[in-house]
Amino acid sequence: MPDMYGLDITTAQFRRACGGNTHPDGEACVTLAKIGPDAWALGNSKHPHGEPLRFTTAELDAAGINPARFGLSA
């Protein structure tokens, strides 16, 4: 697996999933994009310019994050 933080994500298409929690400044959502064959970028919709965290498919699975919830397939 290449260095996931070395992968270019400028053209990654992030999909949003929201948990239903609403706050005065808007709903809390996370974003997910597939950035490689076994690489994902997970971001925060409230901080879209922040650097997303990167995970393997196994790491997402261990954390209970299902890409299908974002309309993505592994």
C-alpha atoms as a PDB file:
ATOM      1  CA  MET A   1       0.000   0.000   0.000  1.00  0.00           C
ATOM      2  CA  PRO A   2       1.447   3.383  -0.934  1.00  0.00           C
ATOM      3  CA  ASP A   3       1.662   6.197   1.609  1.00  0.00           C
ATOM      4  CA  MET A   4      -2.007   7.212   1.863  1.00  0.00           C
ATOM      5  CA  TYR A   5      -1.086  10.782   2.817  1.00  0.00           C
ATOM      6  CA  GLY A   6       0.977  10.927  -0.358  1.00  0.00           C
ATOM      7  CA  LEU A   7      -2.074  10.229  -2.541  1.00  0.00           C
ATOM      8  CA  ASP A   8      -3.476  13.220  -4.429  1.00  0.00           C
ATOM      9  CA  ILE A   9      -7.065  13.851  -3.346  1.00  0.00           C
ATOM     10  CA  THR A  10      -7.686  17.113  -5.205  1.00  0.00           C
ATOM     11  CA  THR A  11     -10.172  15.413  -7.536  1.00  0.00           C
ATOM     12  CA  ALA A  12     -11.654  13.013  -4.950  1.00  0.00           C
ATOM     13  CA  GLN A  13     -15.455  13.035  -4.880  1.00  0.00           C
ATOM     14  CA  PHE A  14     -16.525  13.154  -1.249  1.00  0.00           C
ATOM     15  CA  ARG A  15     -19.979  11.873  -0.270  1.00  0.00           C
ATOM     16  CA  ARG A  16     -21.752  13.036   2.875  1.00  0.00           C
ATOM     17  CA  ALA A  17     -23.510  11.049   5.605  1.00  0.00           C
ATOM     18  CA  CYS A  18     -25.279  12.810   8.445  1.00  0.00           C
ATOM     19  CA  GLY A  19     -26.097  11.392  11.831  1.00  0.00           C
ATOM     20  CA  GLY A  20     -29.206  13.444  12.471  1.00  0.00           C
ATOM     21  CA  ASN A  21     -27.679  15.577  15.214  1.00  0.00           C
ATOM     22  CA  THR A  22     -28.555  19.196  14.665  1.00  0.00           C
ATOM     23  CA  HIS A  23     -26.789  22.122  16.258  1.00  0.00           C
ATOM     24  CA  PRO A  24     -27.393  25.873  16.004  1.00  0.00           C
ATOM     25  CA  ASP A  25     -24.662  26.011  13.335  1.00  0.00           C
ATOM     26  CA  GLY A  26     -26.052  23.094  11.267  1.00  0.00           C
ATOM     27  CA  GLU A  27     -26.182  19.316  11.138  1.00  0.00           C
ATOM     28  CA  ALA A  28     -23.123  17.251  12.029  1.00  0.00           C
ATOM     29  CA  CYS A  29     -21.963  15.257   8.987  1.00  0.00           C
ATOM     30  CA  VAL A  30     -18.888  13.374   7.854  1.00  0.00           C
ATOM     31  CA  THR A  31     -17.610  12.986   4.310  1.00  0.00           C
ATOM     32  CA  LEU A  32     -15.948   9.988   2.709  1.00  0.00           C
ATOM     33  CA  ALA A  33     -14.146   9.463  -0.591  1.00  0.00           C
ATOM     34  CA  LYS A  34     -12.434   6.438  -2.088  1.00  0.00           C
ATOM     35  CA  ILE A  35      -8.924   7.616  -2.958  1.00  0.00           C
ATOM     36  CA  GLY A  36      -7.332   4.331  -4.002  1.00  0.00           C
ATOM     37  CA  PRO A  37      -7.965   0.576  -4.282  1.00  0.00           C
ATOM     38  CA  ASP A  38      -7.773   0.162  -0.491  1.00  0.00           C
ATOM     39  CA  ALA A  39      -7.658   3.786   0.645  1.00  0.00           C
ATOM     40  CA  TRP A  40     -10.306   6.199   1.935  1.00  0.00           C
ATOM     41  CA  ALA A  41     -10.356   9.822   3.066  1.00  0.00           C
ATOM     42  CA  LEU A  42     -12.721  10.777   5.901  1.00  0.00           C
ATOM     43  CA  GLY A  43     -13.507  14.431   6.504  1.00  0.00           C
ATOM     44  CA  ASN A  44     -15.752  16.753   8.494  1.00  0.00           C
ATOM     45  CA  SER A  45     -18.426  18.674   6.586  1.00  0.00           C
ATOM     46  CA  LYS A  46     -18.185  21.569   9.057  1.00  0.00           C
ATOM     47  CA  HIS A  47     -14.479  21.946   8.228  1.00  0.00           C
ATOM     48  CA  PRO A  48     -14.332  21.233   4.469  1.00  0.00           C
ATOM     49  CA  HIS A  49     -10.876  22.771   4.077  1.00  0.00           C
ATOM     50  CA  GLY A  50      -9.347  20.663   6.859  1.00  0.00           C
ATOM     51  CA  GLU A  51      -7.090  17.746   5.971  1.00  0.00           C
ATOM     52  CA  PRO A  52      -9.163  14.528   5.910  1.00  0.00           C
ATOM     53  CA  LEU A  53      -7.957  11.495   7.822  1.00  0.00           C
ATOM     54  CA  ARG A  54      -7.046   8.496   5.683  1.00  0.00           C
ATOM     55  CA  PHE A  55      -7.857   4.856   6.314  1.00  0.00           C
ATOM     56  CA  THR A  56      -7.642   1.446   4.690  1.00  0.00           C
ATOM     57  CA  THR A  57     -10.837  -0.518   4.050  1.00  0.00           C
ATOM     58  CA  ALA A  58      -9.992  -2.818   6.988  1.00  0.00           C
ATOM     59  CA  GLU A  59      -9.561   0.192   9.282  1.00  0.00           C
ATOM     60  CA  LEU A  60     -12.938   1.625   8.215  1.00  0.00           C
ATOM     61  CA  ASP A  61     -14.536  -1.763   8.856  1.00  0.00           C
ATOM     62  CA  ALA A  62     -12.902  -2.012  12.306  1.00  0.00           C
ATOM     63  CA  ALA A  63     -14.278   1.450  13.140  1.00  0.00           C
ATOM     64  CA  GLY A  64     -17.787   0.413  12.031  1.00  0.00           C
ATOM     65  CA  ILE A  65     -17.833   2.794   9.058  1.00  0.00           C
ATOM     66  CA  ASN A  66     -19.683   1.301   6.105  1.00  0.00           C
ATOM     67  CA  PRO A  67     -18.973   3.025   2.754  1.00  0.00           C
ATOM     68  CA  ALA A  68     -22.445   1.942   1.579  1.00  0.00           C
ATOM     69  CA  ARG A  69     -23.940   4.470   4.012  1.00  0.00           C
ATOM     70  CA  PHE A  70     -22.279   7.123   1.839  1.00  0.00           C
ATOM     71  CA  GLY A  71     -23.468   5.532  -1.405  1.00  0.00           C
ATOM     72  CA  LEU A  72     -19.971   4.121  -2.040  1.00  0.00           C
ATOM     73  CA  SER A  73     -18.758   0.564  -2.495  1.00  0.00           C
ATOM     74  CA  ALA A  74     -15.552  -0.898  -1.125  1.00  0.00           C
END
